[in-house]
Amino acid sequence: MVSVIIPTYNYAKYIEETLNSVKNQSYANWECIVIDDGSNDNTREIVEKLVKQDNRFIYIYQKNNGVSSARNKGVSMAKGEYIQFLDGDDLLQQEKLFSQIKCFEEDKKIDIVYNDVRFFDDENSSNLKTSLNGNKKEDWMPKISTSGTALVEQFSRINFIVINSPLIKKNIFNKVGVFDETMKALEDWDFWMRCAIRGCYFHFNSISNAYALVRVHDGSLSTQKLLMNAGHFMFLRNSLNHKNIGFKSRLVISIKYVELFWDSLFGKGQFESKSIVLALFSIIMVPFYLIIKLVRSVK
């Protein structure tokens, strides 16, 4: 069974469409746990109406405590073997769950299956775009099936896993933990990185028309680029503090930290064009504990 976990806060205008995208899945063996994180609109009324129509929906209200708390609450309640996260304003195409379950059945080593993503403007879910800016030539998502250092390197550069894209084996949470409730942003990125560091196998499911659909509107966190960029340094620093991180992974993350530091001073994309001497100088400028951690990991 798949446990679909939907944290929501004041998304009454979107939540019915979101829940219907779950109800319309061709894969029918699911439960859907809606964690209402303290909404003060009519979210409860809308969800409870659907609960009466279909007992696979479960409504839980909690005092406002943030999206990570809501997701973690859902995980603790989940009865399914697999976990699907879905924000209260986003959607799933009809074949998404079925196609991902098939991947797990065909390859037992897979821990996380992620599908391609399409973006749509507020109030128009039929006009799908391949990227936030609508540039069809922009291939921003690494489409890889791997584990280990190669995966850590990808995550050190970009968060290519949109929250409603993957289907996750529930036992992964016992291995890597749940979402960090102290983080105000990038908590999903932190979780994917922990999965990569602990050796989880990510599989890209290339089937078309089984997309995760992300709504783009003024209130969506994906549009708050300044907040995301500011948190990148913290994310990399936190990644270096995770337990069980190997030397190669630590080195990859440290290099990305230096690159990000350099780009913040001299402009994005300039790191590679500078001389080796200047590059080494920039390493000295980053917090000393990065290098200390590298040395300690060899011992």
C-alpha atoms as a PDB file:
ATOM      1  CA  MET A   1       0.000   0.000   0.000  1.00  0.00           C
ATOM      2  CA  VAL A   2       1.054   3.602  -0.665  1.00  0.00           C
ATOM      3  CA  SER A   3       0.586   6.217   2.051  1.00  0.00           C
ATOM      4  CA  VAL A   4       0.076   9.635   0.449  1.00  0.00           C
ATOM      5  CA  ILE A   5       0.949  12.361   2.958  1.00  0.00           C
ATOM      6  CA  ILE A   6      -0.404  15.847   2.307  1.00  0.00           C
ATOM      7  CA  PRO A   7       0.619  18.718   4.613  1.00  0.00           C
ATOM      8  CA  THR A   8      -1.569  21.751   4.015  1.00  0.00           C
ATOM      9  CA  TYR A   9      -2.000  25.229   5.418  1.00  0.00           C
ATOM     10  CA  ASN A  10      -4.751  27.583   4.187  1.00  0.00           C
ATOM     11  CA  TYR A  11      -4.929  25.918   0.773  1.00  0.00           C
ATOM     12  CA  ALA A  12      -8.704  25.454   0.729  1.00  0.00           C
ATOM     13  CA  LYS A  13      -8.859  26.840  -2.822  1.00  0.00           C
ATOM     14  CA  TYR A  14      -6.536  24.073  -4.068  1.00  0.00           C
ATOM     15  CA  ILE A  15      -6.974  21.092  -1.743  1.00  0.00           C
ATOM     16  CA  GLU A  16      -9.983  19.481  -3.454  1.00  0.00           C
ATOM     17  CA  GLU A  17      -8.186  19.367  -6.812  1.00  0.00           C
ATOM     18  CA  THR A  18      -5.127  17.932  -5.080  1.00  0.00           C
ATOM     19  CA  LEU A  19      -7.129  15.194  -3.359  1.00  0.00           C
ATOM     20  CA  ASN A  20      -8.960  14.344  -6.567  1.00  0.00           C
ATOM     21  CA  SER A  21      -5.607  13.765  -8.278  1.00  0.00           C
ATOM     22  CA  VAL A  22      -4.982  11.105  -5.623  1.00  0.00           C
ATOM     23  CA  LYS A  23      -8.478   9.659  -5.928  1.00  0.00           C
ATOM     24  CA  ASN A  24      -8.048   9.344  -9.700  1.00  0.00           C
ATOM     25  CA  GLN A  25      -4.842   7.300  -9.496  1.00  0.00           C
ATOM     26  CA  SER A  26      -4.970   4.096 -11.529  1.00  0.00           C
ATOM     27  CA  TYR A  27      -3.198   2.419  -8.603  1.00  0.00           C
ATOM     28  CA  ALA A  28      -5.980   2.073  -6.048  1.00  0.00           C
ATOM     29  CA  ASN A  29      -4.217   0.568  -3.012  1.00  0.00           C
ATOM     30  CA  TRP A  30      -3.522   3.780  -1.132  1.00  0.00           C
ATOM     31  CA  GLU A  31      -4.384   5.761   1.963  1.00  0.00           C
ATOM     32  CA  CYS A  32      -4.209   9.550   1.956  1.00  0.00           C
ATOM     33  CA  ILE A  33      -3.346  11.313   5.208  1.00  0.00           C
ATOM     34  CA  VAL A  34      -4.084  15.052   5.150  1.00  0.00           C
ATOM     35  CA  ILE A  35      -2.252  16.901   7.917  1.00  0.00           C
ATOM     36  CA  ASP A  36      -3.896  20.291   8.354  1.00  0.00           C
ATOM     37  CA  ASP A  37      -1.170  22.441   9.894  1.00  0.00           C
ATOM     38  CA  GLY A  38      -3.437  24.929  11.673  1.00  0.00           C
ATOM     39  CA  SER A  39      -5.431  26.291   8.714  1.00  0.00           C
ATOM     40  CA  ASN A  40      -7.931  29.049   9.500  1.00  0.00           C
ATOM     41  CA  ASP A  41      -9.821  28.820   6.207  1.00  0.00           C
ATOM     42  CA  ASN A  42     -12.402  26.147   5.276  1.00  0.00           C
ATOM     43  CA  THR A  43      -9.854  23.392   4.586  1.00  0.00           C
ATOM     44  CA  ARG A  44     -11.426  21.114   7.226  1.00  0.00           C
ATOM     45  CA  GLU A  45     -14.887  21.381   5.665  1.00  0.00           C
ATOM     46  CA  ILE A  46     -13.626  20.486   2.187  1.00  0.00           C
ATOM     47  CA  VAL A  47     -11.457  17.566   3.279  1.00  0.00           C
ATOM     48  CA  GLU A  48     -14.018  16.071   5.655  1.00  0.00           C
ATOM     49  CA  LYS A  49     -16.567  16.053   2.843  1.00  0.00           C
ATOM     50  CA  LEU A  50     -14.207  13.863   0.799  1.00  0.00           C
ATOM     51  CA  VAL A  51     -13.452  11.687   3.849  1.00  0.00           C
ATOM     52  CA  LYS A  52     -17.163  10.831   4.035  1.00  0.00           C
ATOM     53  CA  GLN A  53     -17.154   9.867   0.359  1.00  0.00           C
ATOM     54  CA  ASP A  54     -13.978   7.759   0.468  1.00  0.00           C
ATOM     55  CA  ASN A  55     -12.617   6.245   3.688  1.00  0.00           C
ATOM     56  CA  ARG A  56      -9.135   6.030   2.204  1.00  0.00           C
ATOM     57  CA  PHE A  57      -8.837   9.730   3.068  1.00  0.00           C
ATOM     58  CA  ILE A  58      -7.813  10.594   6.643  1.00  0.00           C
ATOM     59  CA  TYR A  59      -7.988  14.117   8.074  1.00  0.00           C
ATOM     60  CA  ILE A  60      -5.735  15.202  10.959  1.00  0.00           C
ATOM     61  CA  TYR A  61      -5.617  18.712  12.422  1.00  0.00           C
ATOM     62  CA  GLN A  62      -2.604  19.994  14.335  1.00  0.00           C
ATOM     63  CA  LYS A  63      -1.541  23.336  15.735  1.00  0.00           C
ATOM     64  CA  ASN A  64       0.565  25.247  13.213  1.00  0.00           C
ATOM     65  CA  ASN A  65       4.096  23.875  13.495  1.00  0.00           C
ATOM     66  CA  GLY A  66       5.483  23.932   9.964  1.00  0.00           C
ATOM     67  CA  VAL A  67       5.540  21.657   6.947  1.00  0.00           C
ATOM     68  CA  SER A  68       8.293  19.353   8.267  1.00  0.00           C
ATOM     69  CA  SER A  69       6.320  18.668  11.428  1.00  0.00           C
ATOM     70  CA  ALA A  70       3.235  17.881   9.333  1.00  0.00           C
ATOM     71  CA  ARG A  71       5.136  15.511   7.050  1.00  0.00           C
ATOM     72  CA  ASN A  72       6.759  13.763  10.001  1.00  0.00           C
ATOM     73  CA  LYS A  73       3.350  13.355  11.638  1.00  0.00           C
ATOM     74  CA  GLY A  74       2.087  11.735   8.452  1.00  0.00           C
ATOM     75  CA  VAL A  75       5.044   9.346   8.307  1.00  0.00           C
ATOM     76  CA  SER A  76       4.445   8.288  11.908  1.00  0.00           C
ATOM     77  CA  MET A  77       0.832   7.441  11.064  1.00  0.00           C
ATOM     78  CA  ALA A  78       1.438   5.798   7.696  1.00  0.00           C
ATOM     79  CA  LYS A  79       0.477   2.155   7.274  1.00  0.00           C
ATOM     80  CA  GLY A  80       1.796   1.784   3.736  1.00  0.00           C
ATOM     81  CA  GLU A  81       4.997   0.170   2.539  1.00  0.00           C
ATOM     82  CA  TYR A  82       5.670   3.229   0.380  1.00  0.00           C
ATOM     83  CA  ILE A  83       5.439   6.962   1.085  1.00  0.00           C
ATOM     84  CA  GLN A  84       4.270   9.607  -1.396  1.00  0.00           C
ATOM     85  CA  PHE A  85       4.518  13.261  -0.322  1.00  0.00           C
ATOM     86  CA  LEU A  86       2.208  15.765  -1.964  1.00  0.00           C
ATOM     87  CA  ASP A  87       1.824  19.426  -1.043  1.00  0.00           C
ATOM     88  CA  GLY A  88      -1.703  20.777  -0.685  1.00  0.00           C
ATOM     89  CA  ASP A  89      -1.569  22.753  -3.919  1.00  0.00           C
ATOM     90  CA  ASP A  90       0.182  20.243  -6.199  1.00  0.00           C
ATOM     91  CA  LEU A  91      -1.050  17.291  -8.280  1.00  0.00           C
ATOM     92  CA  LEU A  92      -0.172  13.794  -9.482  1.00  0.00           C
ATOM     93  CA  GLN A  93      -0.891  12.500 -12.957  1.00  0.00           C
ATOM     94  CA  GLN A  94      -3.080   9.415 -13.104  1.00  0.00           C
ATOM     95  CA  GLU A  95      -0.396   6.774 -13.801  1.00  0.00           C
ATOM     96  CA  LYS A  96       2.269   8.089 -11.441  1.00  0.00           C
ATOM     97  CA  LEU A  97       1.906   5.675  -8.518  1.00  0.00           C
ATOM     98  CA  PHE A  98       1.291   2.648 -10.738  1.00  0.00           C
ATOM     99  CA  SER A  99       4.413   3.304 -12.822  1.00  0.00           C
ATOM    100  CA  GLN A 100       6.586   3.721  -9.725  1.00  0.00           C
ATOM    101  CA  ILE A 101       5.277   0.616  -7.971  1.00  0.00           C
ATOM    102  CA  LYS A 102       6.174  -1.311 -11.115  1.00  0.00           C
ATOM    103  CA  CYS A 103       9.782  -0.073 -10.849  1.00  0.00           C
ATOM    104  CA  PHE A 104      10.045  -1.370  -7.278  1.00  0.00           C
ATOM    105  CA  GLU A 105       8.650  -4.730  -8.317  1.00  0.00           C
ATOM    106  CA  GLU A 106      11.140  -5.062 -11.167  1.00  0.00           C
ATOM    107  CA  ASP A 107      14.274  -4.082  -9.200  1.00  0.00           C
ATOM    108  CA  LYS A 108      14.482  -4.851  -5.481  1.00  0.00           C
ATOM    109  CA  LYS A 109      17.597  -2.743  -4.879  1.00  0.00           C
ATOM    110  CA  ILE A 110      15.669   0.489  -5.504  1.00  0.00           C
ATOM    111  CA  ASP A 111      14.930   2.625  -2.447  1.00  0.00           C
ATOM    112  CA  ILE A 112      13.475   5.735  -4.087  1.00  0.00           C
ATOM    113  CA  VAL A 113      11.822   6.127  -7.497  1.00  0.00           C
ATOM    114  CA  TYR A 114      11.478   9.642  -8.864  1.00  0.00           C
ATOM    115  CA  ASN A 115       9.538  10.739 -11.943  1.00  0.00           C
ATOM    116  CA  ASP A 116       9.840  13.725 -14.206  1.00  0.00           C
ATOM    117  CA  VAL A 117       8.129  16.970 -13.206  1.00  0.00           C
ATOM    118  CA  ARG A 118       5.941  19.481 -14.966  1.00  0.00           C
ATOM    119  CA  PHE A 119       5.027  22.962 -13.724  1.00  0.00           C
ATOM    120  CA  PHE A 120       1.738  24.740 -14.273  1.00  0.00           C
ATOM    121  CA  ASP A 121       0.480  28.247 -13.640  1.00  0.00           C
ATOM    122  CA  ASP A 122      -2.009  28.921 -10.909  1.00  0.00           C
ATOM    123  CA  GLU A 123      -5.576  27.998 -11.926  1.00  0.00           C
ATOM    124  CA  ASN A 124      -4.454  26.270 -15.149  1.00  0.00           C
ATOM    125  CA  SER A 125      -3.273  22.704 -14.636  1.00  0.00           C
ATOM    126  CA  SER A 126      -3.569  21.873 -18.343  1.00  0.00           C
ATOM    127  CA  ASN A 127      -0.766  24.219 -19.462  1.00  0.00           C
ATOM    128  CA  LEU A 128       2.302  22.195 -18.444  1.00  0.00           C
ATOM    129  CA  LYS A 129       5.847  23.538 -18.526  1.00  0.00           C
ATOM    130  CA  THR A 130       9.137  21.678 -18.233  1.00  0.00           C
ATOM    131  CA  SER A 131      10.727  24.307 -15.982  1.00  0.00           C
ATOM    132  CA  LEU A 132       9.765  27.183 -13.729  1.00  0.00           C
ATOM    133  CA  ASN A 133      10.541  29.724 -16.440  1.00  0.00           C
ATOM    134  CA  GLY A 134       8.824  27.726 -19.185  1.00  0.00           C
ATOM    135  CA  ASN A 135      12.031  27.152 -21.147  1.00  0.00           C
ATOM    136  CA  LYS A 136      11.512  23.823 -22.927  1.00  0.00           C
ATOM    137  CA  LYS A 137      15.231  23.561 -23.721  1.00  0.00           C
ATOM    138  CA  GLU A 138      16.233  23.746 -20.051  1.00  0.00           C
ATOM    139  CA  ASP A 139      16.986  20.219 -18.821  1.00  0.00           C
ATOM    140  CA  TRP A 140      17.433  21.086 -15.155  1.00  0.00           C
ATOM    141  CA  MET A 141      16.757  17.644 -13.674  1.00  0.00           C
ATOM    142  CA  PRO A 142      19.546  15.032 -13.696  1.00  0.00           C
ATOM    143  CA  LYS A 143      17.837  11.844 -14.847  1.00  0.00           C
ATOM    144  CA  ILE A 144      20.044   9.248 -13.192  1.00  0.00           C
ATOM    145  CA  SER A 145      19.740   5.891 -11.489  1.00  0.00           C
ATOM    146  CA  THR A 146      22.566   5.467  -9.018  1.00  0.00           C
ATOM    147  CA  SER A 147      23.755   5.633  -5.418  1.00  0.00           C
ATOM    148  CA  GLY A 148      26.879   6.689  -3.533  1.00  0.00           C
ATOM    149  CA  THR A 149      29.300   9.516  -4.263  1.00  0.00           C
ATOM    150  CA  ALA A 150      27.910  10.268  -7.729  1.00  0.00           C
ATOM    151  CA  LEU A 151      24.536  10.969  -6.170  1.00  0.00           C
ATOM    152  CA  VAL A 152      26.031  13.074  -3.365  1.00  0.00           C
ATOM    153  CA  GLU A 153      27.815  15.166  -5.985  1.00  0.00           C
ATOM    154  CA  GLN A 154      24.551  15.825  -7.833  1.00  0.00           C
ATOM    155  CA  PHE A 155      22.748  16.840  -4.651  1.00  0.00           C
ATOM    156  CA  SER A 156      25.590  19.143  -3.618  1.00  0.00           C
ATOM    157  CA  ARG A 157      24.890  21.134  -6.773  1.00  0.00           C
ATOM    158  CA  ILE A 158      21.117  21.119  -7.118  1.00  0.00           C
ATOM    159  CA  ASN A 159      17.987  19.844  -5.425  1.00  0.00           C
ATOM    160  CA  PHE A 160      16.601  17.909  -8.382  1.00  0.00           C
ATOM    161  CA  ILE A 161      13.960  16.035  -6.387  1.00  0.00           C
ATOM    162  CA  VAL A 162      10.690  17.958  -6.214  1.00  0.00           C
ATOM    163  CA  ILE A 163       8.821  16.811  -3.097  1.00  0.00           C
ATOM    164  CA  ASN A 164       5.917  15.153  -4.957  1.00  0.00           C
ATOM    165  CA  SER A 165       8.163  13.424  -7.505  1.00  0.00           C
ATOM    166  CA  PRO A 166       9.515  10.404  -5.568  1.00  0.00           C
ATOM    167  CA  LEU A 167       7.902   7.308  -4.149  1.00  0.00           C
ATOM    168  CA  ILE A 168       9.895   6.181  -1.119  1.00  0.00           C
ATOM    169  CA  LYS A 169      10.182   2.893   0.728  1.00  0.00           C
ATOM    170  CA  LYS A 170       8.944   3.612   4.235  1.00  0.00           C
ATOM    171  CA  ASN A 171      11.821   1.711   5.867  1.00  0.00           C
ATOM    172  CA  ILE A 172      14.198   4.389   4.538  1.00  0.00           C
ATOM    173  CA  PHE A 173      12.982   6.687   7.324  1.00  0.00           C
ATOM    174  CA  ASN A 174      14.224   4.200   9.914  1.00  0.00           C
ATOM    175  CA  LYS A 175      17.637   4.376   8.244  1.00  0.00           C
ATOM    176  CA  VAL A 176      18.086   8.113   7.652  1.00  0.00           C
ATOM    177  CA  GLY A 177      15.546   9.746   9.961  1.00  0.00           C
ATOM    178  CA  VAL A 178      12.705  12.137   9.152  1.00  0.00           C
ATOM    179  CA  PHE A 179      12.638  15.806   8.107  1.00  0.00           C
ATOM    180  CA  ASP A 180      14.623  18.288  10.200  1.00  0.00           C
ATOM    181  CA  GLU A 181      11.960  20.444  11.870  1.00  0.00           C
ATOM    182  CA  THR A 182      14.496  23.145  12.782  1.00  0.00           C
ATOM    183  CA  MET A 183      15.043  24.042   9.119  1.00  0.00           C
ATOM    184  CA  LYS A 184      12.834  26.804   7.704  1.00  0.00           C
ATOM    185  CA  ALA A 185      13.665  25.959   4.089  1.00  0.00           C
ATOM    186  CA  LEU A 186      15.472  23.255   2.085  1.00  0.00           C
ATOM    187  CA  GLU A 187      14.385  20.567   4.558  1.00  0.00           C
ATOM    188  CA  ASP A 188      13.526  18.244   1.658  1.00  0.00           C
ATOM    189  CA  TRP A 189      16.960  18.816   0.072  1.00  0.00           C
ATOM    190  CA  ASP A 190      18.559  17.952   3.399  1.00  0.00           C
ATOM    191  CA  PHE A 191      16.546  14.718   3.522  1.00  0.00           C
ATOM    192  CA  TRP A 192      17.536  13.657  -0.020  1.00  0.00           C
ATOM    193  CA  MET A 193      21.191  14.356   0.768  1.00  0.00           C
ATOM    194  CA  ARG A 194      21.004  12.212   3.898  1.00  0.00           C
ATOM    195  CA  CYS A 195      19.511   9.422   1.800  1.00  0.00           C
ATOM    196  CA  ALA A 196      22.383   9.758  -0.686  1.00  0.00           C
ATOM    197  CA  ILE A 197      25.026   9.802   2.055  1.00  0.00           C
ATOM    198  CA  ARG A 198      23.556   6.631   3.587  1.00  0.00           C
ATOM    199  CA  GLY A 199      23.778   4.818   0.247  1.00  0.00           C
ATOM    200  CA  CYS A 200      20.124   4.773  -0.819  1.00  0.00           C
ATOM    201  CA  TYR A 201      19.558   3.839  -4.445  1.00  0.00           C
ATOM    202  CA  PHE A 202      17.641   6.441  -6.471  1.00  0.00           C
ATOM    203  CA  HIS A 203      15.978   5.327  -9.711  1.00  0.00           C
ATOM    204  CA  PHE A 204      14.685   7.666 -12.418  1.00  0.00           C
ATOM    205  CA  ASN A 205      11.433   6.454 -13.956  1.00  0.00           C
ATOM    206  CA  SER A 206      11.432   7.679 -17.548  1.00  0.00           C
ATOM    207  CA  ILE A 207       7.795   6.897 -18.351  1.00  0.00           C
ATOM    208  CA  SER A 208       5.961   9.897 -19.772  1.00  0.00           C
ATOM    209  CA  ASN A 209       2.536  11.172 -18.718  1.00  0.00           C
ATOM    210  CA  ALA A 210       3.088  10.015 -15.132  1.00  0.00           C
ATOM    211  CA  TYR A 211       4.441  13.331 -13.930  1.00  0.00           C
ATOM    212  CA  ALA A 212       4.515  15.087 -10.611  1.00  0.00           C
ATOM    213  CA  LEU A 213       2.754  18.414 -11.214  1.00  0.00           C
ATOM    214  CA  VAL A 214       3.874  21.534  -9.339  1.00  0.00           C
ATOM    215  CA  ARG A 215       1.655  24.596  -9.111  1.00  0.00           C
ATOM    216  CA  VAL A 216       3.499  27.918  -9.468  1.00  0.00           C
ATOM    217  CA  HIS A 217       1.930  30.860  -7.688  1.00  0.00           C
ATOM    218  CA  ASP A 218       2.993  33.783  -5.514  1.00  0.00           C
ATOM    219  CA  GLY A 219       2.759  31.781  -2.313  1.00  0.00           C
ATOM    220  CA  SER A 220       4.721  28.743  -3.473  1.00  0.00           C
ATOM    221  CA  LEU A 221       8.110  28.288  -1.809  1.00  0.00           C
ATOM    222  CA  SER A 222       9.670  27.243  -5.118  1.00  0.00           C
ATOM    223  CA  THR A 223       9.388  30.862  -6.298  1.00  0.00           C
ATOM    224  CA  GLN A 224      11.272  32.269  -3.298  1.00  0.00           C
ATOM    225  CA  LYS A 225      14.690  32.001  -4.933  1.00  0.00           C
ATOM    226  CA  LEU A 226      16.446  34.417  -2.588  1.00  0.00           C
ATOM    227  CA  LEU A 227      15.529  32.317   0.432  1.00  0.00           C
ATOM    228  CA  MET A 228      16.708  29.163  -1.326  1.00  0.00           C
ATOM    229  CA  ASN A 229      20.039  30.674  -2.372  1.00  0.00           C
ATOM    230  CA  ALA A 230      20.693  31.999   1.128  1.00  0.00           C
ATOM    231  CA  GLY A 231      20.090  28.550   2.556  1.00  0.00           C
ATOM    232  CA  HIS A 232      22.452  26.733   0.178  1.00  0.00           C
ATOM    233  CA  PHE A 233      25.497  27.443   2.351  1.00  0.00           C
ATOM    234  CA  MET A 234      23.709  26.181   5.463  1.00  0.00           C
ATOM    235  CA  PHE A 235      22.530  23.086   3.618  1.00  0.00           C
ATOM    236  CA  LEU A 236      26.081  22.162   2.546  1.00  0.00           C
ATOM    237  CA  ARG A 237      27.451  22.845   6.003  1.00  0.00           C
ATOM    238  CA  ASN A 238      24.764  20.679   7.593  1.00  0.00           C
ATOM    239  CA  SER A 239      25.496  17.913   5.083  1.00  0.00           C
ATOM    240  CA  LEU A 240      29.069  17.729   6.326  1.00  0.00           C
ATOM    241  CA  ASN A 241      27.783  17.118   9.861  1.00  0.00           C
ATOM    242  CA  HIS A 242      25.740  14.044   8.963  1.00  0.00           C
ATOM    243  CA  LYS A 243      26.836  10.761  10.496  1.00  0.00           C
ATOM    244  CA  ASN A 244      28.299   8.031   8.298  1.00  0.00           C
ATOM    245  CA  ILE A 245      29.543  10.450   5.656  1.00  0.00           C
ATOM    246  CA  GLY A 246      32.562   9.034   3.824  1.00  0.00           C
ATOM    247  CA  PHE A 247      35.705  10.866   2.773  1.00  0.00           C
ATOM    248  CA  LYS A 248      34.788  11.043  -0.937  1.00  0.00           C
ATOM    249  CA  SER A 249      31.360  12.451  -0.180  1.00  0.00           C
ATOM    250  CA  ARG A 250      32.853  14.926   2.291  1.00  0.00           C
ATOM    251  CA  LEU A 251      35.366  16.073  -0.310  1.00  0.00           C
ATOM    252  CA  VAL A 252      32.685  16.520  -2.987  1.00  0.00           C
ATOM    253  CA  ILE A 253      30.519  18.641  -0.674  1.00  0.00           C
ATOM    254  CA  SER A 254      33.512  20.719   0.483  1.00  0.00           C
ATOM    255  CA  ILE A 255      34.487  21.496  -3.110  1.00  0.00           C
ATOM    256  CA  LYS A 256      30.938  22.621  -3.860  1.00  0.00           C
ATOM    257  CA  TYR A 257      31.008  24.808  -0.758  1.00  0.00           C
ATOM    258  CA  VAL A 258      34.172  26.489  -2.049  1.00  0.00           C
ATOM    259  CA  GLU A 259      32.668  26.906  -5.510  1.00  0.00           C
ATOM    260  CA  LEU A 260      29.526  28.487  -4.067  1.00  0.00           C
ATOM    261  CA  PHE A 261      31.640  30.771  -1.879  1.00  0.00           C
ATOM    262  CA  TRP A 262      33.686  31.860  -4.895  1.00  0.00           C
ATOM    263  CA  ASP A 263      30.605  32.509  -7.026  1.00  0.00           C
ATOM    264  CA  SER A 264      29.022  34.578  -4.259  1.00  0.00           C
ATOM    265  CA  LEU A 265      32.053  36.896  -4.386  1.00  0.00           C
ATOM    266  CA  PHE A 266      32.863  37.053  -8.075  1.00  0.00           C
ATOM    267  CA  GLY A 267      29.750  35.952  -9.926  1.00  0.00           C
ATOM    268  CA  LYS A 268      28.182  32.634 -10.814  1.00  0.00           C
ATOM    269  CA  GLY A 269      30.158  30.410 -13.160  1.00  0.00           C
ATOM    270  CA  GLN A 270      33.481  32.161 -12.610  1.00  0.00           C
ATOM    271  CA  PHE A 271      35.041  29.528 -10.351  1.00  0.00           C
ATOM    272  CA  GLU A 272      36.253  27.338 -13.203  1.00  0.00           C
ATOM    273  CA  SER A 273      37.826  30.220 -15.124  1.00  0.00           C
ATOM    274  CA  LYS A 274      40.119  31.408 -12.333  1.00  0.00           C
ATOM    275  CA  SER A 275      43.688  30.289 -11.826  1.00  0.00           C
ATOM    276  CA  ILE A 276      44.601  27.399  -9.543  1.00  0.00           C
ATOM    277  CA  VAL A 277      46.375  29.802  -7.195  1.00  0.00           C
ATOM    278  CA  LEU A 278      43.254  31.920  -6.739  1.00  0.00           C
ATOM    279  CA  ALA A 279      41.135  28.817  -6.341  1.00  0.00           C
ATOM    280  CA  LEU A 280      43.390  27.579  -3.543  1.00  0.00           C
ATOM    281  CA  PHE A 281      43.243  31.013  -1.951  1.00  0.00           C
ATOM    282  CA  SER A 282      39.448  30.832  -1.930  1.00  0.00           C
ATOM    283  CA  ILE A 283      39.638  27.524  -0.067  1.00  0.00           C
ATOM    284  CA  ILE A 284      41.526  29.265   2.725  1.00  0.00           C
ATOM    285  CA  MET A 285      38.724  31.812   2.946  1.00  0.00           C
ATOM    286  CA  VAL A 286      36.002  29.302   3.779  1.00  0.00           C
ATOM    287  CA  PRO A 287      35.371  28.240   7.396  1.00  0.00           C
ATOM    288  CA  PHE A 288      38.351  26.284   8.698  1.00  0.00           C
ATOM    289  CA  TYR A 289      36.247  23.480  10.090  1.00  0.00           C
ATOM    290  CA  LEU A 290      35.600  22.215   6.539  1.00  0.00           C
ATOM    291  CA  ILE A 291      39.269  21.317   6.161  1.00  0.00           C
ATOM    292  CA  ILE A 292      39.485  20.016   9.720  1.00  0.00           C
ATOM    293  CA  LYS A 293      36.582  17.664   9.062  1.00  0.00           C
ATOM    294  CA  LEU A 294      38.306  16.393   5.931  1.00  0.00           C
ATOM    295  CA  VAL A 295      41.472  15.598   7.860  1.00  0.00           C
ATOM    296  CA  ARG A 296      39.588  13.912  10.673  1.00  0.00           C
ATOM    297  CA  SER A 297      37.637  11.714   8.282  1.00  0.00           C
ATOM    298  CA  VAL A 298      40.895  10.132   7.039  1.00  0.00           C
ATOM    299  CA  LYS A 299      41.903   9.050  10.553  1.00  0.00           C
END
